[in-house]
PDB file of N, CA and C in Angstrom:
ATOM      1  N   MET A   1      -1.811   6.164  26.942  1.00  0.00           N
ATOM      2  CA  MET A   1      -1.653   7.296  26.039  1.00  0.00           C
ATOM      3  C   MET A   1      -2.983   7.928  25.746  1.00  0.00           C
ATOM      4  N   ILE A   2      -3.002   9.254  25.768  1.00  0.00           N
ATOM      5  CA  ILE A   2      -4.262   9.947  25.531  1.00  0.00           C
ATOM      6  C   ILE A   2      -4.207  10.589  24.126  1.00  0.00           C
ATOM      7  N   GLU A   3      -5.355  10.952  23.641  1.00  0.00           N
ATOM      8  CA  GLU A   3      -5.530  11.502  22.307  1.00  0.00           C
ATOM      9  C   GLU A   3      -4.569  12.663  22.092  1.00  0.00           C
ATOM     10  N   LYS A   4      -4.512  13.596  23.010  1.00  0.00           N
ATOM     11  CA  LYS A   4      -3.664  14.778  22.816  1.00  0.00           C
ATOM     12  C   LYS A   4      -2.207  14.438  22.608  1.00  0.00           C
ATOM     13  N   GLN A   5      -1.700  13.416  23.289  1.00  0.00           N
ATOM     14  CA  GLN A   5      -0.354  12.995  23.097  1.00  0.00           C
ATOM     15  C   GLN A   5      -0.080  12.487  21.666  1.00  0.00           C
ATOM     16  N   ILE A   6      -1.020  11.723  21.135  1.00  0.00           N
ATOM     17  CA  ILE A   6      -0.922  11.182  19.779  1.00  0.00           C
ATOM     18  C   ILE A   6      -0.972  12.344  18.781  1.00  0.00           C
ATOM     19  N   GLU A   7      -1.891  13.271  19.021  1.00  0.00           N
ATOM     20  CA  GLU A   7      -2.018  14.449  18.139  1.00  0.00           C
ATOM     21  C   GLU A   7      -0.771  15.287  18.180  1.00  0.00           C
ATOM     22  N   HIS A   8      -0.211  15.522  19.312  1.00  0.00           N
ATOM     23  CA  HIS A   8       1.037  16.301  19.457  1.00  0.00           C
ATOM     24  C   HIS A   8       2.172  15.591  18.754  1.00  0.00           C
ATOM     25  N   TYR A   9       2.258  14.283  18.868  1.00  0.00           N
ATOM     26  CA  TYR A   9       3.280  13.526  18.242  1.00  0.00           C
ATOM     27  C   TYR A   9       3.178  13.631  16.716  1.00  0.00           C
ATOM     28  N   LEU A  10       1.958  13.550  16.206  1.00  0.00           N
ATOM     29  CA  LEU A  10       1.724  13.685  14.771  1.00  0.00           C
ATOM     30  C   LEU A  10       2.198  15.006  14.246  1.00  0.00           C
ATOM     31  N   VAL A  11       1.852  16.096  14.967  1.00  0.00           N
ATOM     32  CA  VAL A  11       2.233  17.470  14.592  1.00  0.00           C
ATOM     33  C   VAL A  11       3.766  17.568  14.588  1.00  0.00           C
ATOM     34  N   HIS A  12       4.378  17.042  15.571  1.00  0.00           N
ATOM     35  CA  HIS A  12       5.855  17.098  15.654  1.00  0.00           C
ATOM     36  C   HIS A  12       6.497  16.325  14.528  1.00  0.00           C
ATOM     37  N   GLN A  13       6.071  15.110  14.255  1.00  0.00           N
ATOM     38  CA  GLN A  13       6.651  14.309  13.204  1.00  0.00           C
ATOM     39  C   GLN A  13       6.468  14.929  11.811  1.00  0.00           C
ATOM     40  N   ILE A  14       5.310  15.418  11.554  1.00  0.00           N
ATOM     41  CA  ILE A  14       5.023  16.121  10.254  1.00  0.00           C
ATOM     42  C   ILE A  14       5.951  17.318  10.138  1.00  0.00           C
ATOM     43  N   GLY A  15       6.084  18.078  11.217  1.00  0.00           N
ATOM     44  CA  GLY A  15       6.941  19.247  11.228  1.00  0.00           C
ATOM     45  C   GLY A  15       8.441  18.910  10.989  1.00  0.00           C
ATOM     46  N   LEU A  16       8.899  17.790  11.486  1.00  0.00           N
ATOM     47  CA  LEU A  16      10.273  17.371  11.256  1.00  0.00           C
ATOM     48  C   LEU A  16      10.543  17.148   9.747  1.00  0.00           C
ATOM     49  N   LEU A  17       9.477  16.850   9.018  1.00  0.00           N
ATOM     50  CA  LEU A  17       9.631  16.634   7.589  1.00  0.00           C
ATOM     51  C   LEU A  17       9.321  17.914   6.807  1.00  0.00           C
ATOM     52  N   ASN A  18       9.222  19.027   7.523  1.00  0.00           N
ATOM     53  CA  ASN A  18       8.927  20.326   6.913  1.00  0.00           C
ATOM     54  C   ASN A  18       7.491  20.438   6.367  1.00  0.00           C
ATOM     55  N   GLY A  19       6.595  19.613   6.930  1.00  0.00           N
ATOM     56  CA  GLY A  19       5.199  19.677   6.557  1.00  0.00           C
ATOM     57  C   GLY A  19       4.462  20.558   7.531  1.00  0.00           C
ATOM     58  N   LEU A  20       3.219  20.757   7.217  1.00  0.00           N
ATOM     59  CA  LEU A  20       2.324  21.567   8.071  1.00  0.00           C
ATOM     60  C   LEU A  20       1.191  20.719   8.562  1.00  0.00           C
ATOM     61  N   CYS A  21       0.799  20.893   9.811  1.00  0.00           N
ATOM     62  CA  CYS A  21      -0.279  20.103  10.384  1.00  0.00           C
ATOM     63  C   CYS A  21      -1.183  21.045  11.145  1.00  0.00           C
ATOM     64  N   PHE A  22      -2.179  21.564  10.499  1.00  0.00           N
ATOM     65  CA  PHE A  22      -3.040  22.591  11.130  1.00  0.00           C
ATOM     66  C   PHE A  22      -4.118  21.954  11.951  1.00  0.00           C
ATOM     67  N   LYS A  23      -4.404  22.572  13.110  1.00  0.00           N
ATOM     68  CA  LYS A  23      -5.524  22.215  13.877  1.00  0.00           C
ATOM     69  C   LYS A  23      -6.734  22.751  13.070  1.00  0.00           C
ATOM     70  N   PHE A  24      -7.633  21.819  12.728  1.00  0.00           N
ATOM     71  CA  PHE A  24      -8.724  22.204  11.886  1.00  0.00           C
ATOM     72  C   PHE A  24     -10.011  22.310  12.660  1.00  0.00           C
ATOM     73  N   VAL A  25     -10.562  23.483  12.721  1.00  0.00           N
ATOM     74  CA  VAL A  25     -11.795  23.776  13.415  1.00  0.00           C
ATOM     75  C   VAL A  25     -12.758  24.375  12.439  1.00  0.00           C
ATOM     76  N   SER A  26     -13.934  23.837  12.322  1.00  0.00           N
ATOM     77  CA  SER A  26     -14.975  24.376  11.457  1.00  0.00           C
ATOM     78  C   SER A  26     -16.165  24.662  12.357  1.00  0.00           C
ATOM     79  N   PRO A  27     -16.263  25.938  12.785  1.00  0.00           N
ATOM     80  CA  PRO A  27     -17.260  26.288  13.811  1.00  0.00           C
ATOM     81  C   PRO A  27     -18.708  25.777  13.592  1.00  0.00           C
ATOM     82  N   SER A  28     -19.177  25.821  12.343  1.00  0.00           N
ATOM     83  CA  SER A  28     -20.568  25.400  12.141  1.00  0.00           C
ATOM     84  C   SER A  28     -20.687  23.937  11.648  1.00  0.00           C
ATOM     85  N   ASN A  29     -19.602  23.247  11.679  1.00  0.00           N
ATOM     86  CA  ASN A  29     -19.592  21.842  11.171  1.00  0.00           C
ATOM     87  C   ASN A  29     -18.937  20.938  12.167  1.00  0.00           C
ATOM     88  N   ALA A  30     -19.717  20.360  13.073  1.00  0.00           N
ATOM     89  CA  ALA A  30     -19.204  19.410  14.054  1.00  0.00           C
ATOM     90  C   ALA A  30     -18.803  18.127  13.300  1.00  0.00           C
ATOM     91  N   GLY A  31     -17.827  17.457  13.825  1.00  0.00           N
ATOM     92  CA  GLY A  31     -17.462  16.154  13.309  1.00  0.00           C
ATOM     93  C   GLY A  31     -16.275  16.158  12.339  1.00  0.00           C
ATOM     94  N   VAL A  32     -15.762  17.348  12.019  1.00  0.00           N
ATOM     95  CA  VAL A  32     -14.603  17.377  11.110  1.00  0.00           C
ATOM     96  C   VAL A  32     -13.374  16.822  11.841  1.00  0.00           C
ATOM     97  N   PRO A  33     -12.445  16.188  11.055  1.00  0.00           N
ATOM     98  CA  PRO A  33     -11.276  15.618  11.664  1.00  0.00           C
ATOM     99  C   PRO A  33     -10.407  16.638  12.365  1.00  0.00           C
ATOM    100  N   ASP A  34      -9.547  16.222  13.294  1.00  0.00           N
ATOM    101  CA  ASP A  34      -8.767  17.105  14.131  1.00  0.00           C
ATOM    102  C   ASP A  34      -7.745  17.908  13.369  1.00  0.00           C
ATOM    103  N   ARG A  35      -7.061  17.332  12.359  1.00  0.00           N
ATOM    104  CA  ARG A  35      -5.926  17.975  11.752  1.00  0.00           C
ATOM    105  C   ARG A  35      -6.030  17.898  10.210  1.00  0.00           C
ATOM    106  N   LEU A  36      -5.533  19.003   9.590  1.00  0.00           N
ATOM    107  CA  LEU A  36      -5.346  19.034   8.160  1.00  0.00           C
ATOM    108  C   LEU A  36      -3.860  19.076   7.936  1.00  0.00           C
ATOM    109  N   CYS A  37      -3.343  18.044   7.269  1.00  0.00           N
ATOM    110  CA  CYS A  37      -1.899  17.949   7.045  1.00  0.00           C
ATOM    111  C   CYS A  37      -1.566  18.206   5.622  1.00  0.00           C
ATOM    112  N   LEU A  38      -0.450  18.972   5.405  1.00  0.00           N
ATOM    113  CA  LEU A  38       0.049  19.295   4.092  1.00  0.00           C
ATOM    114  C   LEU A  38       1.517  18.941   4.058  1.00  0.00           C
ATOM    115  N   ILE A  39       1.901  18.033   3.178  1.00  0.00           N
ATOM    116  CA  ILE A  39       3.293  17.567   3.119  1.00  0.00           C
ATOM    117  C   ILE A  39       3.566  16.921   1.769  1.00  0.00           C
ATOM    118  N   TYR A  40       4.675  17.310   1.179  1.00  0.00           N
ATOM    119  CA  TYR A  40       5.154  16.723  -0.119  1.00  0.00           C
ATOM    120  C   TYR A  40       4.068  16.791  -1.218  1.00  0.00           C
ATOM    121  N   GLY A  41       3.275  17.820  -1.210  1.00  0.00           N
ATOM    122  CA  GLY A  41       2.261  17.973  -2.245  1.00  0.00           C
ATOM    123  C   GLY A  41       0.940  17.238  -1.876  1.00  0.00           C
ATOM    124  N   TYR A  42       0.892  16.572  -0.776  1.00  0.00           N
ATOM    125  CA  TYR A  42      -0.312  15.862  -0.330  1.00  0.00           C
ATOM    126  C   TYR A  42      -1.092  16.709   0.671  1.00  0.00           C
ATOM    127  N   ALA A  43      -2.403  16.543   0.620  1.00  0.00           N
ATOM    128  CA  ALA A  43      -3.226  17.147   1.639  1.00  0.00           C
ATOM    129  C   ALA A  43      -4.192  16.031   2.113  1.00  0.00           C
ATOM    130  N   PHE A  44      -4.287  15.868   3.406  1.00  0.00           N
ATOM    131  CA  PHE A  44      -5.164  14.867   4.007  1.00  0.00           C
ATOM    132  C   PHE A  44      -5.551  15.270   5.417  1.00  0.00           C
ATOM    133  N   PHE A  45      -6.605  14.629   5.880  1.00  0.00           N
ATOM    134  CA  PHE A  45      -7.085  14.909   7.221  1.00  0.00           C
ATOM    135  C   PHE A  45      -6.692  13.736   8.157  1.00  0.00           C
ATOM    136  N   VAL A  46      -6.517  14.055   9.454  1.00  0.00           N
ATOM    137  CA  VAL A  46      -6.273  13.006  10.462  1.00  0.00           C
ATOM    138  C   VAL A  46      -7.120  13.289  11.612  1.00  0.00           C
ATOM    139  N   GLU A  47      -7.834  12.237  12.061  1.00  0.00           N
ATOM    140  CA  GLU A  47      -8.593  12.213  13.303  1.00  0.00           C
ATOM    141  C   GLU A  47      -7.759  11.361  14.259  1.00  0.00           C
ATOM    142  N   THR A  48      -7.431  11.976  15.411  1.00  0.00           N
ATOM    143  CA  THR A  48      -6.674  11.188  16.413  1.00  0.00           C
ATOM    144  C   THR A  48      -7.630  10.696  17.518  1.00  0.00           C
ATOM    145  N   LYS A  49      -7.349   9.507  17.965  1.00  0.00           N
ATOM    146  CA  LYS A  49      -8.152   8.906  19.040  1.00  0.00           C
ATOM    147  C   LYS A  49      -7.202   8.202  20.014  1.00  0.00           C
ATOM    148  N   ALA A  50      -7.623   8.169  21.288  1.00  0.00           N
ATOM    149  CA  ALA A  50      -6.897   7.337  22.256  1.00  0.00           C
ATOM    150  C   ALA A  50      -7.069   5.882  21.873  1.00  0.00           C
ATOM    151  N   PRO A  51      -6.085   5.066  22.188  1.00  0.00           N
ATOM    152  CA  PRO A  51      -6.189   3.634  21.884  1.00  0.00           C
ATOM    153  C   PRO A  51      -7.490   3.040  22.366  1.00  0.00           C
ATOM    154  N   GLY A  52      -8.193   2.331  21.504  1.00  0.00           N
ATOM    155  CA  GLY A  52      -9.462   1.746  21.878  1.00  0.00           C
ATOM    156  C   GLY A  52     -10.703   2.569  21.650  1.00  0.00           C
ATOM    157  N   GLU A  53     -10.513   3.878  21.469  1.00  0.00           N
ATOM    158  CA  GLU A  53     -11.630   4.731  21.201  1.00  0.00           C
ATOM    159  C   GLU A  53     -12.078   4.657  19.728  1.00  0.00           C
ATOM    160  N   LYS A  54     -13.317   4.817  19.522  1.00  0.00           N
ATOM    161  CA  LYS A  54     -13.879   4.748  18.141  1.00  0.00           C
ATOM    162  C   LYS A  54     -14.473   6.122  17.753  1.00  0.00           C
ATOM    163  N   PRO A  55     -14.428   6.486  16.459  1.00  0.00           N
ATOM    164  CA  PRO A  55     -15.065   7.745  15.991  1.00  0.00           C
ATOM    165  C   PRO A  55     -16.557   7.720  16.251  1.00  0.00           C
ATOM    166  N   ARG A  56     -17.092   8.906  16.498  1.00  0.00           N
ATOM    167  CA  ARG A  56     -18.516   9.036  16.654  1.00  0.00           C
ATOM    168  C   ARG A  56     -19.180   8.902  15.271  1.00  0.00           C
ATOM    169  N   GLU A  57     -20.502   8.608  15.270  1.00  0.00           N
ATOM    170  CA  GLU A  57     -21.213   8.434  13.982  1.00  0.00           C
ATOM    171  C   GLU A  57     -21.122   9.713  13.119  1.00  0.00           C
ATOM    172  N   LEU A  58     -21.178  10.909  13.754  1.00  0.00           N
ATOM    173  CA  LEU A  58     -21.083  12.115  12.966  1.00  0.00           C
ATOM    174  C   LEU A  58     -19.686  12.248  12.330  1.00  0.00           C
ATOM    175  N   GLN A  59     -18.652  11.835  13.073  1.00  0.00           N
ATOM    176  CA  GLN A  59     -17.317  11.882  12.512  1.00  0.00           C
ATOM    177  C   GLN A  59     -17.206  10.946  11.330  1.00  0.00           C
ATOM    178  N   LYS A  60     -17.804   9.785  11.433  1.00  0.00           N
ATOM    179  CA  LYS A  60     -17.815   8.809  10.293  1.00  0.00           C
ATOM    180  C   LYS A  60     -18.500   9.384   9.069  1.00  0.00           C
ATOM    181  N   ALA A  61     -19.631  10.062   9.294  1.00  0.00           N
ATOM    182  CA  ALA A  61     -20.413  10.648   8.190  1.00  0.00           C
ATOM    183  C   ALA A  61     -19.631  11.776   7.519  1.00  0.00           C
ATOM    184  N   ILE A  62     -18.950  12.605   8.296  1.00  0.00           N
ATOM    185  CA  ILE A  62     -18.123  13.679   7.733  1.00  0.00           C
ATOM    186  C   ILE A  62     -16.947  13.109   6.935  1.00  0.00           C
ATOM    187  N   ALA A  63     -16.311  12.092   7.515  1.00  0.00           N
ATOM    188  CA  ALA A  63     -15.189  11.453   6.795  1.00  0.00           C
ATOM    189  C   ALA A  63     -15.657  10.888   5.446  1.00  0.00           C
ATOM    190  N   LYS A  64     -16.825  10.310   5.438  1.00  0.00           N
ATOM    191  CA  LYS A  64     -17.347   9.767   4.174  1.00  0.00           C
ATOM    192  C   LYS A  64     -17.558  10.915   3.142  1.00  0.00           C
ATOM    193  N   GLN A  65     -18.066  12.022   3.597  1.00  0.00           N
ATOM    194  CA  GLN A  65     -18.262  13.157   2.687  1.00  0.00           C
ATOM    195  C   GLN A  65     -16.958  13.654   2.122  1.00  0.00           C
ATOM    196  N   ILE A  66     -15.892  13.713   2.983  1.00  0.00           N
ATOM    197  CA  ILE A  66     -14.582  14.166   2.572  1.00  0.00           C
ATOM    198  C   ILE A  66     -13.979  13.190   1.545  1.00  0.00           C
ATOM    199  N   ARG A  67     -14.134  11.922   1.820  1.00  0.00           N
ATOM    200  CA  ARG A  67     -13.580  10.868   0.896  1.00  0.00           C
ATOM    201  C   ARG A  67     -14.263  10.915  -0.472  1.00  0.00           C
ATOM    202  N   LYS A  68     -15.575  11.200  -0.471  1.00  0.00           N
ATOM    203  CA  LYS A  68     -16.304  11.272  -1.757  1.00  0.00           C
ATOM    204  C   LYS A  68     -15.720  12.333  -2.644  1.00  0.00           C
ATOM    205  N   ARG A  69     -15.013  13.273  -2.063  1.00  0.00           N
ATOM    206  CA  ARG A  69     -14.410  14.359  -2.842  1.00  0.00           C
ATOM    207  C   ARG A  69     -12.927  14.132  -3.122  1.00  0.00           C
ATOM    208  N   GLY A  70     -12.492  12.865  -2.857  1.00  0.00           N
ATOM    209  CA  GLY A  70     -11.111  12.514  -3.240  1.00  0.00           C
ATOM    210  C   GLY A  70     -10.038  12.827  -2.266  1.00  0.00           C
ATOM    211  N   THR A  71     -10.375  13.142  -1.027  1.00  0.00           N
ATOM    212  CA  THR A  71      -9.339  13.425   0.002  1.00  0.00           C
ATOM    213  C   THR A  71      -9.346  12.334   1.049  1.00  0.00           C
ATOM    214  N   LYS A  72      -8.135  11.892   1.412  1.00  0.00           N
ATOM    215  CA  LYS A  72      -7.983  10.896   2.394  1.00  0.00           C
ATOM    216  C   LYS A  72      -8.252  11.345   3.797  1.00  0.00           C
ATOM    217  N   VAL A  73      -8.782  10.461   4.669  1.00  0.00           N
ATOM    218  CA  VAL A  73      -8.991  10.740   6.075  1.00  0.00           C
ATOM    219  C   VAL A  73      -8.438   9.552   6.839  1.00  0.00           C
ATOM    220  N   TYR A  74      -7.441   9.836   7.684  1.00  0.00           N
ATOM    221  CA  TYR A  74      -6.866   8.763   8.485  1.00  0.00           C
ATOM    222  C   TYR A  74      -7.338   8.903   9.923  1.00  0.00           C
ATOM    223  N   CYS A  75      -7.463   7.761  10.596  1.00  0.00           N
ATOM    224  CA  CYS A  75      -7.799   7.784  12.037  1.00  0.00           C
ATOM    225  C   CYS A  75      -6.639   7.042  12.690  1.00  0.00           C
ATOM    226  N   LEU A  76      -5.867   7.795  13.540  1.00  0.00           N
ATOM    227  CA  LEU A  76      -4.655   7.220  14.145  1.00  0.00           C
ATOM    228  C   LEU A  76      -4.852   7.199  15.643  1.00  0.00           C
ATOM    229  N   SER A  77      -4.488   6.046  16.234  1.00  0.00           N
ATOM    230  CA  SER A  77      -4.661   5.914  17.669  1.00  0.00           C
ATOM    231  C   SER A  77      -3.421   5.391  18.405  1.00  0.00           C
ATOM    232  N   SER A  78      -2.245   5.552  17.764  1.00  0.00           N
ATOM    233  CA  SER A  78      -1.032   5.185  18.408  1.00  0.00           C
ATOM    234  C   SER A  78       0.164   5.858  17.780  1.00  0.00           C
ATOM    235  N   LYS A  79       1.260   5.978  18.546  1.00  0.00           N
ATOM    236  CA  LYS A  79       2.488   6.549  17.945  1.00  0.00           C
ATOM    237  C   LYS A  79       3.010   5.663  16.816  1.00  0.00           C
ATOM    238  N   GLU A  80       2.798   4.367  16.979  1.00  0.00           N
ATOM    239  CA  GLU A  80       3.232   3.427  15.908  1.00  0.00           C
ATOM    240  C   GLU A  80       2.502   3.658  14.577  1.00  0.00           C
ATOM    241  N   GLN A  81       1.223   4.021  14.670  1.00  0.00           N
ATOM    242  CA  GLN A  81       0.498   4.339  13.412  1.00  0.00           C
ATOM    243  C   GLN A  81       0.971   5.655  12.822  1.00  0.00           C
ATOM    244  N   VAL A  82       1.312   6.604  13.668  1.00  0.00           N
ATOM    245  CA  VAL A  82       1.905   7.882  13.188  1.00  0.00           C
ATOM    246  C   VAL A  82       3.219   7.557  12.482  1.00  0.00           C
ATOM    247  N   ASP A  83       4.056   6.765  13.138  1.00  0.00           N
ATOM    248  CA  ASP A  83       5.334   6.397  12.557  1.00  0.00           C
ATOM    249  C   ASP A  83       5.202   5.707  11.182  1.00  0.00           C
ATOM    250  N   ASP A  84       4.226   4.829  11.103  1.00  0.00           N
ATOM    251  CA  ASP A  84       3.941   4.138   9.832  1.00  0.00           C
ATOM    252  C   ASP A  84       3.540   5.123   8.732  1.00  0.00           C
ATOM    253  N   LEU A  85       2.711   6.054   9.095  1.00  0.00           N
ATOM    254  CA  LEU A  85       2.266   7.112   8.158  1.00  0.00           C
ATOM    255  C   LEU A  85       3.466   7.926   7.668  1.00  0.00           C
ATOM    256  N   ILE A  86       4.308   8.265   8.665  1.00  0.00           N
ATOM    257  CA  ILE A  86       5.487   9.108   8.347  1.00  0.00           C
ATOM    258  C   ILE A  86       6.463   8.314   7.393  1.00  0.00           C
ATOM    259  N   ARG A  87       6.655   7.062   7.705  1.00  0.00           N
ATOM    260  CA  ARG A  87       7.505   6.222   6.824  1.00  0.00           C
ATOM    261  C   ARG A  87       6.975   6.202   5.390  1.00  0.00           C
ATOM    262  N   SER A  88       5.669   6.028   5.234  1.00  0.00           N
ATOM    263  CA  SER A  88       5.098   6.011   3.907  1.00  0.00           C
ATOM    264  C   SER A  88       5.270   7.350   3.196  1.00  0.00           C
ATOM    265  N   LEU A  89       4.992   8.427   3.903  1.00  0.00           N
ATOM    266  CA  LEU A  89       5.169   9.771   3.334  1.00  0.00           C
ATOM    267  C   LEU A  89       6.637   9.986   2.936  1.00  0.00           C
ATOM    268  N   SER A  90       7.551   9.593   3.800  1.00  0.00           N
ATOM    269  CA  SER A  90       8.993   9.773   3.515  1.00  0.00           C
ATOM    270  C   SER A  90       9.403   8.972   2.254  1.00  0.00           C
ATOM    271  N   ALA A  91       8.682   7.902   1.976  1.00  0.00           N
ATOM    272  CA  ALA A  91       8.999   7.045   0.781  1.00  0.00           C
ATOM    273  C   ALA A  91       8.226   7.595  -0.436  1.00  0.00           C
ATOM    274  N   GLY A  92       7.512   8.727  -0.269  1.00  0.00           N
ATOM    275  CA  GLY A  92       6.791   9.350  -1.381  1.00  0.00           C
ATOM    276  C   GLY A  92       5.448   8.720  -1.662  1.00  0.00           C
ATOM    277  N   MET A  93       4.851   8.067  -0.669  1.00  0.00           N
ATOM    278  CA  MET A  93       3.529   7.400  -0.888  1.00  0.00           C
ATOM    279  C   MET A  93       2.525   7.934   0.154  1.00  0.00           C
ATOM    280  N   LEU A  94       1.301   8.048  -0.298  1.00  0.00           N
ATOM    281  CA  LEU A  94       0.205   8.368   0.605  1.00  0.00           C
ATOM    282  C   LEU A  94      -0.501   7.000   0.803  1.00  0.00           C
ATOM    283  N   PRO A  95      -0.364   6.416   2.002  1.00  0.00           N
ATOM    284  CA  PRO A  95      -0.904   5.056   2.228  1.00  0.00           C
ATOM    285  C   PRO A  95      -2.406   4.940   2.166  1.00  0.00           C
ATOM    286  N   GLN A  96      -2.853   3.733   1.998  1.00  0.00           N
ATOM    287  CA  GLN A  96      -4.258   3.402   2.017  1.00  0.00           C
ATOM    288  C   GLN A  96      -4.776   3.670   3.436  1.00  0.00           C
ATOM    289  N   GLU A  97      -6.026   4.169   3.516  1.00  0.00           N
ATOM    290  CA  GLU A  97      -6.607   4.454   4.840  1.00  0.00           C
ATOM    291  C   GLU A  97      -6.847   3.185   5.651  1.00  0.00           C
ATOM    292  N   SER A  98      -7.068   2.063   4.925  1.00  0.00           N
ATOM    293  CA  SER A  98      -7.379   0.819   5.584  1.00  0.00           C
ATOM    294  C   SER A  98      -6.228   0.283   6.439  1.00  0.00           C
ATOM    295  N   ARG A  99      -5.014   0.828   6.318  1.00  0.00           N
ATOM    296  CA  ARG A  99      -3.910   0.412   7.125  1.00  0.00           C
ATOM    297  C   ARG A  99      -4.040   0.876   8.537  1.00  0.00           C
ATOM    298  N   TYR A 100      -4.910   1.774   8.809  1.00  0.00           N
ATOM    299  CA  TYR A 100      -5.074   2.394  10.144  1.00  0.00           C
ATOM    300  C   TYR A 100      -6.500   2.162  10.613  1.00  0.00           C
ATOM    301  N   ASP A 101      -6.810   2.742  11.750  1.00  0.00           N
ATOM    302  CA  ASP A 101      -8.218   2.604  12.284  1.00  0.00           C
ATOM    303  C   ASP A 101      -9.170   3.243  11.339  1.00  0.00           C
ATOM    304  N   ARG A 102     -10.003   2.483  10.704  1.00  0.00           N
ATOM    305  CA  ARG A 102     -10.913   3.041   9.693  1.00  0.00           C
ATOM    306  C   ARG A 102     -11.972   3.904  10.360  1.00  0.00           C
ATOM    307  N   ILE A 103     -12.127   5.105   9.855  1.00  0.00           N
ATOM    308  CA  ILE A 103     -13.128   6.017  10.368  1.00  0.00           C
ATOM    309  C   ILE A 103     -14.259   6.024   9.392  1.00  0.00           C
TER     310      ILE A 103
END
């Protein structure tokens, strides 16, 4: 499974719940997560990776800055992780980031 497949699956699953999952590009800020998701009143970022891949140091630093401001950043590297996130959201919970690949 490649990163794009996981990212596409995330977008599709969030959309099925009537959420939005924007491709997030910040031209002058490298390292920002791939997606900004809005669903059920929650806003969070998701960085997708192929299984076994790790975030770059710059991505880790940006995620730390985002978290310091109270916003969650998830790193997902499988369809199963996407499914787990979706189950939590469907139950009205925003899960702990530590349940997934920590970025």
